Amino acid sequence: MPGFNVAAPARLCLDFLEAQGSRDLERARSKCAPGFRMVFPGGHVFTEFTELIAWAAPRYRSVAKTIERVEEAPLGETVSVYITGTLHGEWLDGTEFSGIRFVDRFEVRAGRIASQKVWNDMAGSR
């Protein structure tokens, strides 16, 4: 993710997203704390990347992120990292999409990602 001059917690989250996007799941997993959880729109909770991939499979062929902003908010021993931008990719029928807004909020503790919460406008874009 070139172009962002960020501190260690934000860099960790950007590296995580890059690994996740390239399906380097072992690299992504290495950035996560024990008990890591991902929460996606609709309250879908995942603790394993294979669960997330299976959930996403009937929704779209591919999705990628264009990152526009990275912010950190220290809260005691936790740092919240907000990454915002837009999604682009391809629906199952082959139609391309782009410009769909997203927000990822990470909680970083002791140098590892404890959680990721995802908000986006995908459902309203279909």
N, C-alpha and C. Protein backbone atom coordinates (compact mmCIF):
# COMPACT_ATOMS: atom_id res chain seq x y z
N MET A 1 0.84 -1.17 0.00
CA MET A 1 0.00 0.00 0.00
C MET A 1 0.89 1.25 0.00
N PRO A 2 1.46 1.57 -1.12
CA PRO A 2 2.35 2.73 -1.17
C PRO A 2 1.60 4.04 -0.94
N GLY A 3 2.34 5.04 -0.51
CA GLY A 3 1.77 6.37 -0.38
C GLY A 3 1.28 6.73 1.00
N PHE A 4 1.24 5.77 1.92
CA PHE A 4 0.77 6.07 3.26
C PHE A 4 1.96 6.04 4.22
N ASN A 5 2.18 7.14 4.91
CA ASN A 5 3.20 7.20 5.94
C ASN A 5 2.47 7.00 7.27
N VAL A 6 2.50 5.77 7.78
CA VAL A 6 1.70 5.43 8.95
C VAL A 6 2.55 4.77 10.02
N ALA A 7 2.05 4.80 11.25
CA ALA A 7 2.72 4.17 12.38
C ALA A 7 2.52 2.66 12.34
N ALA A 8 3.18 1.97 13.26
CA ALA A 8 3.20 0.51 13.27
C ALA A 8 1.81 -0.14 13.29
N PRO A 9 0.85 0.27 14.13
CA PRO A 9 -0.46 -0.39 14.10
C PRO A 9 -1.16 -0.28 12.74
N ALA A 10 -1.12 0.89 12.15
CA ALA A 10 -1.75 1.06 10.84
C ALA A 10 -1.03 0.24 9.78
N ARG A 11 0.30 0.23 9.82
CA ARG A 11 1.08 -0.57 8.86
C ARG A 11 0.72 -2.04 8.98
N LEU A 12 0.58 -2.52 10.22
CA LEU A 12 0.17 -3.91 10.46
C LEU A 12 -1.16 -4.20 9.76
N CYS A 13 -2.12 -3.30 9.89
CA CYS A 13 -3.45 -3.50 9.30
C CYS A 13 -3.39 -3.42 7.78
N LEU A 14 -2.61 -2.51 7.24
CA LEU A 14 -2.45 -2.42 5.78
C LEU A 14 -1.80 -3.68 5.24
N ASP A 15 -0.78 -4.19 5.93
CA ASP A 15 -0.14 -5.43 5.52
C ASP A 15 -1.12 -6.61 5.59
N PHE A 16 -1.95 -6.61 6.63
CA PHE A 16 -2.97 -7.65 6.77
C PHE A 16 -3.92 -7.63 5.56
N LEU A 17 -4.41 -6.43 5.20
CA LEU A 17 -5.33 -6.33 4.07
C LEU A 17 -4.67 -6.75 2.77
N GLU A 18 -3.41 -6.39 2.61
CA GLU A 18 -2.68 -6.80 1.40
C GLU A 18 -2.55 -8.32 1.34
N ALA A 19 -2.19 -8.95 2.46
CA ALA A 19 -2.08 -10.40 2.51
C ALA A 19 -3.43 -11.07 2.26
N GLN A 20 -4.47 -10.55 2.88
CA GLN A 20 -5.81 -11.09 2.71
C GLN A 20 -6.25 -10.97 1.25
N GLY A 21 -6.01 -9.81 0.64
CA GLY A 21 -6.41 -9.59 -0.75
C GLY A 21 -5.68 -10.47 -1.74
N SER A 22 -4.43 -10.81 -1.44
CA SER A 22 -3.66 -11.68 -2.33
C SER A 22 -3.80 -13.15 -1.96
N ARG A 23 -4.68 -13.44 -1.01
CA ARG A 23 -4.98 -14.79 -0.52
C ARG A 23 -3.76 -15.47 0.12
N ASP A 24 -2.86 -14.66 0.66
CA ASP A 24 -1.75 -15.18 1.44
C ASP A 24 -2.26 -15.29 2.88
N LEU A 25 -3.07 -16.30 3.11
CA LEU A 25 -3.81 -16.41 4.37
C LEU A 25 -2.89 -16.71 5.55
N GLU A 26 -1.80 -17.40 5.34
CA GLU A 26 -0.86 -17.64 6.43
C GLU A 26 -0.22 -16.33 6.88
N ARG A 27 0.14 -15.48 5.92
CA ARG A 27 0.71 -14.17 6.27
C ARG A 27 -0.32 -13.32 7.01
N ALA A 28 -1.56 -13.32 6.52
CA ALA A 28 -2.62 -12.57 7.19
C ALA A 28 -2.83 -13.10 8.61
N ARG A 29 -2.89 -14.40 8.75
CA ARG A 29 -3.11 -15.03 10.06
C ARG A 29 -1.99 -14.69 11.04
N SER A 30 -0.77 -14.54 10.53
CA SER A 30 0.37 -14.26 11.41
C SER A 30 0.27 -12.88 12.06
N LYS A 31 -0.59 -12.03 11.56
CA LYS A 31 -0.75 -10.68 12.10
C LYS A 31 -1.87 -10.61 13.15
N CYS A 32 -2.53 -11.74 13.38
CA CYS A 32 -3.71 -11.77 14.24
C CYS A 32 -3.41 -12.32 15.62
N ALA A 33 -4.09 -11.76 16.60
CA ALA A 33 -3.98 -12.22 17.98
C ALA A 33 -4.84 -13.48 18.18
N PRO A 34 -4.53 -14.27 19.19
CA PRO A 34 -5.43 -15.38 19.53
C PRO A 34 -6.83 -14.82 19.79
N GLY A 35 -7.83 -15.53 19.31
CA GLY A 35 -9.21 -15.08 19.48
C GLY A 35 -9.66 -14.05 18.46
N PHE A 36 -8.86 -13.81 17.42
CA PHE A 36 -9.19 -12.84 16.37
C PHE A 36 -10.59 -13.11 15.80
N ARG A 37 -11.32 -12.00 15.59
CA ARG A 37 -12.68 -12.08 15.02
C ARG A 37 -12.85 -11.03 13.94
N MET A 38 -13.57 -11.40 12.88
CA MET A 38 -13.96 -10.47 11.81
C MET A 38 -15.47 -10.37 11.84
N VAL A 39 -15.99 -9.15 11.80
CA VAL A 39 -17.44 -8.94 11.78
C VAL A 39 -17.76 -8.19 10.49
N PHE A 40 -18.61 -8.78 9.66
CA PHE A 40 -18.98 -8.20 8.37
C PHE A 40 -20.42 -7.73 8.40
N PRO A 41 -20.82 -6.92 7.41
CA PRO A 41 -22.19 -6.41 7.39
C PRO A 41 -23.22 -7.52 7.57
N GLY A 42 -24.25 -7.19 8.30
CA GLY A 42 -25.29 -8.16 8.61
C GLY A 42 -24.99 -8.97 9.86
N GLY A 43 -23.90 -8.60 10.56
CA GLY A 43 -23.56 -9.30 11.79
C GLY A 43 -22.89 -10.64 11.58
N HIS A 44 -22.33 -10.88 10.41
CA HIS A 44 -21.65 -12.15 10.12
C HIS A 44 -20.28 -12.14 10.80
N VAL A 45 -20.05 -13.10 11.69
CA VAL A 45 -18.82 -13.17 12.46
C VAL A 45 -18.01 -14.37 11.99
N PHE A 46 -16.72 -14.12 11.75
CA PHE A 46 -15.80 -15.17 11.31
C PHE A 46 -14.56 -15.16 12.18
N THR A 47 -14.04 -16.35 12.44
CA THR A 47 -12.77 -16.47 13.16
C THR A 47 -11.71 -17.12 12.28
N GLU A 48 -12.11 -17.65 11.15
CA GLU A 48 -11.20 -18.30 10.20
C GLU A 48 -11.41 -17.71 8.81
N PHE A 49 -10.34 -17.55 8.07
CA PHE A 49 -10.43 -16.98 6.72
C PHE A 49 -11.20 -17.90 5.78
N THR A 50 -11.13 -19.21 6.00
CA THR A 50 -11.88 -20.13 5.16
C THR A 50 -13.39 -19.90 5.29
N GLU A 51 -13.84 -19.54 6.49
CA GLU A 51 -15.27 -19.22 6.70
C GLU A 51 -15.65 -17.98 5.90
N LEU A 52 -14.80 -16.97 5.94
CA LEU A 52 -15.05 -15.74 5.19
C LEU A 52 -15.10 -16.00 3.70
N ILE A 53 -14.16 -16.77 3.19
CA ILE A 53 -14.11 -17.07 1.76
C ILE A 53 -15.36 -17.83 1.32
N ALA A 54 -15.78 -18.81 2.13
CA ALA A 54 -17.00 -19.57 1.80
C ALA A 54 -18.23 -18.66 1.81
N TRP A 55 -18.30 -17.73 2.76
CA TRP A 55 -19.43 -16.80 2.84
C TRP A 55 -19.45 -15.86 1.62
N ALA A 56 -18.29 -15.43 1.18
CA ALA A 56 -18.20 -14.48 0.07
C ALA A 56 -18.42 -15.14 -1.30
N ALA A 57 -18.14 -16.43 -1.41
CA ALA A 57 -18.19 -17.11 -2.71
C ALA A 57 -19.50 -16.92 -3.48
N PRO A 58 -20.67 -17.01 -2.87
CA PRO A 58 -21.90 -16.82 -3.64
C PRO A 58 -22.29 -15.34 -3.80
N ARG A 59 -21.43 -14.42 -3.41
CA ARG A 59 -21.75 -12.99 -3.48
C ARG A 59 -21.04 -12.27 -4.62
N TYR A 60 -19.77 -12.60 -4.86
CA TYR A 60 -19.02 -11.94 -5.93
C TYR A 60 -17.85 -12.82 -6.34
N ARG A 61 -17.37 -12.58 -7.59
CA ARG A 61 -16.21 -13.32 -8.09
C ARG A 61 -14.91 -12.79 -7.51
N SER A 62 -14.84 -11.47 -7.44
CA SER A 62 -13.62 -10.85 -6.92
C SER A 62 -13.96 -9.51 -6.31
N VAL A 63 -13.11 -9.08 -5.37
CA VAL A 63 -13.25 -7.77 -4.75
C VAL A 63 -11.87 -7.30 -4.33
N ALA A 64 -11.62 -6.01 -4.50
CA ALA A 64 -10.36 -5.41 -4.08
C ALA A 64 -10.66 -4.03 -3.52
N LYS A 65 -9.69 -3.49 -2.78
CA LYS A 65 -9.89 -2.21 -2.12
C LYS A 65 -8.96 -1.15 -2.69
N THR A 66 -9.51 0.04 -2.84
CA THR A 66 -8.71 1.23 -3.09
C THR A 66 -8.75 2.02 -1.80
N ILE A 67 -7.60 2.12 -1.15
CA ILE A 67 -7.53 2.77 0.15
C ILE A 67 -7.32 4.26 -0.03
N GLU A 68 -8.18 5.02 0.62
CA GLU A 68 -8.12 6.48 0.51
C GLU A 68 -7.63 7.15 1.78
N ARG A 69 -7.85 6.51 2.94
CA ARG A 69 -7.51 7.17 4.20
C ARG A 69 -7.20 6.12 5.27
N VAL A 70 -6.22 6.44 6.10
CA VAL A 70 -5.84 5.58 7.23
C VAL A 70 -5.72 6.47 8.46
N GLU A 71 -6.40 6.08 9.54
CA GLU A 71 -6.36 6.87 10.77
C GLU A 71 -6.17 5.94 11.96
N GLU A 72 -5.46 6.44 12.97
CA GLU A 72 -5.27 5.70 14.21
C GLU A 72 -5.88 6.47 15.37
N ALA A 73 -6.45 5.72 16.30
CA ALA A 73 -7.00 6.31 17.52
C ALA A 73 -6.55 5.47 18.71
N PRO A 74 -5.51 5.92 19.44
CA PRO A 74 -5.05 5.17 20.61
C PRO A 74 -6.09 5.23 21.73
N LEU A 75 -6.38 4.09 22.32
CA LEU A 75 -7.33 3.99 23.42
C LEU A 75 -6.72 3.10 24.50
N GLY A 76 -5.85 3.68 25.31
CA GLY A 76 -5.16 2.88 26.32
C GLY A 76 -4.20 1.91 25.66
N GLU A 77 -4.36 0.63 25.95
CA GLU A 77 -3.49 -0.40 25.38
C GLU A 77 -3.94 -0.86 24.01
N THR A 78 -5.05 -0.34 23.55
CA THR A 78 -5.59 -0.69 22.24
C THR A 78 -5.46 0.50 21.31
N VAL A 79 -5.13 0.21 20.05
CA VAL A 79 -5.14 1.25 19.01
C VAL A 79 -6.20 0.84 18.01
N SER A 80 -7.18 1.73 17.80
CA SER A 80 -8.16 1.51 16.74
C SER A 80 -7.60 2.10 15.46
N VAL A 81 -7.64 1.31 14.40
CA VAL A 81 -7.16 1.75 13.10
C VAL A 81 -8.36 1.73 12.15
N TYR A 82 -8.60 2.87 11.53
CA TYR A 82 -9.69 3.00 10.56
C TYR A 82 -9.09 3.13 9.18
N ILE A 83 -9.53 2.27 8.27
CA ILE A 83 -9.08 2.31 6.88
C ILE A 83 -10.34 2.46 6.03
N THR A 84 -10.36 3.51 5.22
CA THR A 84 -11.53 3.78 4.40
C THR A 84 -11.14 3.91 2.94
N GLY A 85 -12.12 3.69 2.09
CA GLY A 85 -11.89 3.80 0.65
C GLY A 85 -13.06 3.24 -0.12
N THR A 86 -12.74 2.65 -1.27
CA THR A 86 -13.79 2.09 -2.13
C THR A 86 -13.42 0.68 -2.56
N LEU A 87 -14.45 -0.08 -2.86
CA LEU A 87 -14.30 -1.45 -3.35
C LEU A 87 -14.53 -1.48 -4.85
N HIS A 88 -13.83 -2.38 -5.52
CA HIS A 88 -14.08 -2.65 -6.94
C HIS A 88 -13.89 -4.14 -7.16
N GLY A 89 -14.52 -4.65 -8.20
CA GLY A 89 -14.41 -6.07 -8.48
C GLY A 89 -15.42 -6.51 -9.51
N GLU A 90 -15.86 -7.76 -9.35
CA GLU A 90 -16.77 -8.36 -10.32
C GLU A 90 -17.84 -9.18 -9.61
N TRP A 91 -19.10 -8.92 -9.96
CA TRP A 91 -20.21 -9.71 -9.43
C TRP A 91 -20.17 -11.10 -10.04
N LEU A 92 -20.97 -12.00 -9.56
CA LEU A 92 -20.99 -13.38 -10.05
C LEU A 92 -21.36 -13.48 -11.53
N ASP A 93 -22.18 -12.54 -12.02
CA ASP A 93 -22.59 -12.59 -13.43
C ASP A 93 -21.57 -11.98 -14.37
N GLY A 94 -20.42 -11.56 -13.84
CA GLY A 94 -19.36 -10.99 -14.67
C GLY A 94 -19.41 -9.47 -14.77
N THR A 95 -20.45 -8.85 -14.25
CA THR A 95 -20.56 -7.40 -14.28
C THR A 95 -19.55 -6.79 -13.31
N GLU A 96 -18.85 -5.78 -13.78
CA GLU A 96 -17.88 -5.11 -12.91
C GLU A 96 -18.57 -4.09 -12.02
N PHE A 97 -17.99 -3.87 -10.85
CA PHE A 97 -18.47 -2.83 -9.96
C PHE A 97 -17.28 -2.02 -9.46
N SER A 98 -17.56 -0.81 -9.04
CA SER A 98 -16.50 0.04 -8.47
C SER A 98 -17.16 1.16 -7.68
N GLY A 99 -16.35 1.85 -6.89
CA GLY A 99 -16.83 3.01 -6.16
C GLY A 99 -17.72 2.70 -4.97
N ILE A 100 -17.71 1.46 -4.48
CA ILE A 100 -18.53 1.10 -3.33
C ILE A 100 -17.74 1.43 -2.06
N ARG A 101 -18.31 2.28 -1.22
CA ARG A 101 -17.61 2.74 -0.02
C ARG A 101 -17.43 1.61 1.00
N PHE A 102 -16.29 1.66 1.72
CA PHE A 102 -16.06 0.74 2.82
C PHE A 102 -15.33 1.44 3.96
N VAL A 103 -15.52 0.89 5.16
CA VAL A 103 -14.75 1.27 6.34
C VAL A 103 -14.36 -0.04 7.03
N ASP A 104 -13.08 -0.19 7.33
CA ASP A 104 -12.59 -1.29 8.15
C ASP A 104 -12.08 -0.68 9.45
N ARG A 105 -12.54 -1.20 10.56
CA ARG A 105 -12.05 -0.75 11.87
C ARG A 105 -11.34 -1.93 12.53
N PHE A 106 -10.08 -1.75 12.80
CA PHE A 106 -9.28 -2.77 13.45
C PHE A 106 -9.00 -2.37 14.89
N GLU A 107 -8.89 -3.36 15.77
CA GLU A 107 -8.38 -3.15 17.11
C GLU A 107 -7.06 -3.89 17.20
N VAL A 108 -6.01 -3.14 17.52
CA VAL A 108 -4.66 -3.70 17.62
C VAL A 108 -4.23 -3.63 19.08
N ARG A 109 -3.79 -4.78 19.58
CA ARG A 109 -3.29 -4.87 20.96
C ARG A 109 -1.99 -5.67 20.95
N ALA A 110 -0.99 -5.15 21.64
CA ALA A 110 0.30 -5.85 21.79
C ALA A 110 0.87 -6.27 20.44
N GLY A 111 0.71 -5.42 19.44
CA GLY A 111 1.31 -5.68 18.14
C GLY A 111 0.59 -6.68 17.26
N ARG A 112 -0.63 -7.05 17.62
CA ARG A 112 -1.42 -8.01 16.83
C ARG A 112 -2.84 -7.48 16.65
N ILE A 113 -3.49 -7.92 15.58
CA ILE A 113 -4.86 -7.51 15.30
C ILE A 113 -5.81 -8.40 16.10
N ALA A 114 -6.60 -7.78 16.97
CA ALA A 114 -7.57 -8.52 17.79
C ALA A 114 -8.91 -8.67 17.08
N SER A 115 -9.27 -7.64 16.29
CA SER A 115 -10.55 -7.72 15.59
C SER A 115 -10.57 -6.81 14.37
N GLN A 116 -11.46 -7.15 13.45
CA GLN A 116 -11.73 -6.34 12.27
C GLN A 116 -13.25 -6.24 12.15
N LYS A 117 -13.74 -5.02 12.04
CA LYS A 117 -15.17 -4.81 11.79
C LYS A 117 -15.28 -4.09 10.45
N VAL A 118 -16.16 -4.58 9.61
CA VAL A 118 -16.27 -4.10 8.23
C VAL A 118 -17.65 -3.52 7.99
N TRP A 119 -17.68 -2.34 7.40
CA TRP A 119 -18.92 -1.73 6.92
C TRP A 119 -18.71 -1.38 5.45
N ASN A 120 -19.74 -1.63 4.63
CA ASN A 120 -19.67 -1.22 3.24
C ASN A 120 -21.07 -1.10 2.65
N ASP A 121 -21.11 -0.53 1.46
CA ASP A 121 -22.38 -0.30 0.76
C ASP A 121 -22.67 -1.35 -0.30
N MET A 122 -22.07 -2.53 -0.19
CA MET A 122 -22.26 -3.55 -1.23
C MET A 122 -23.73 -3.94 -1.43
N ALA A 123 -24.43 -4.17 -0.33
CA ALA A 123 -25.83 -4.62 -0.44
C ALA A 123 -26.67 -3.61 -1.20
N GLY A 124 -26.43 -2.33 -0.99
CA GLY A 124 -27.19 -1.31 -1.68
C GLY A 124 -26.74 -1.07 -3.11
N SER A 125 -25.65 -1.69 -3.51
CA SER A 125 -25.10 -1.47 -4.84
C SER A 125 -25.51 -2.52 -5.84
N ARG A 126 -26.15 -3.56 -5.37
CA ARG A 126 -26.58 -4.64 -6.28
C ARG A 126 -27.73 -4.13 -7.08
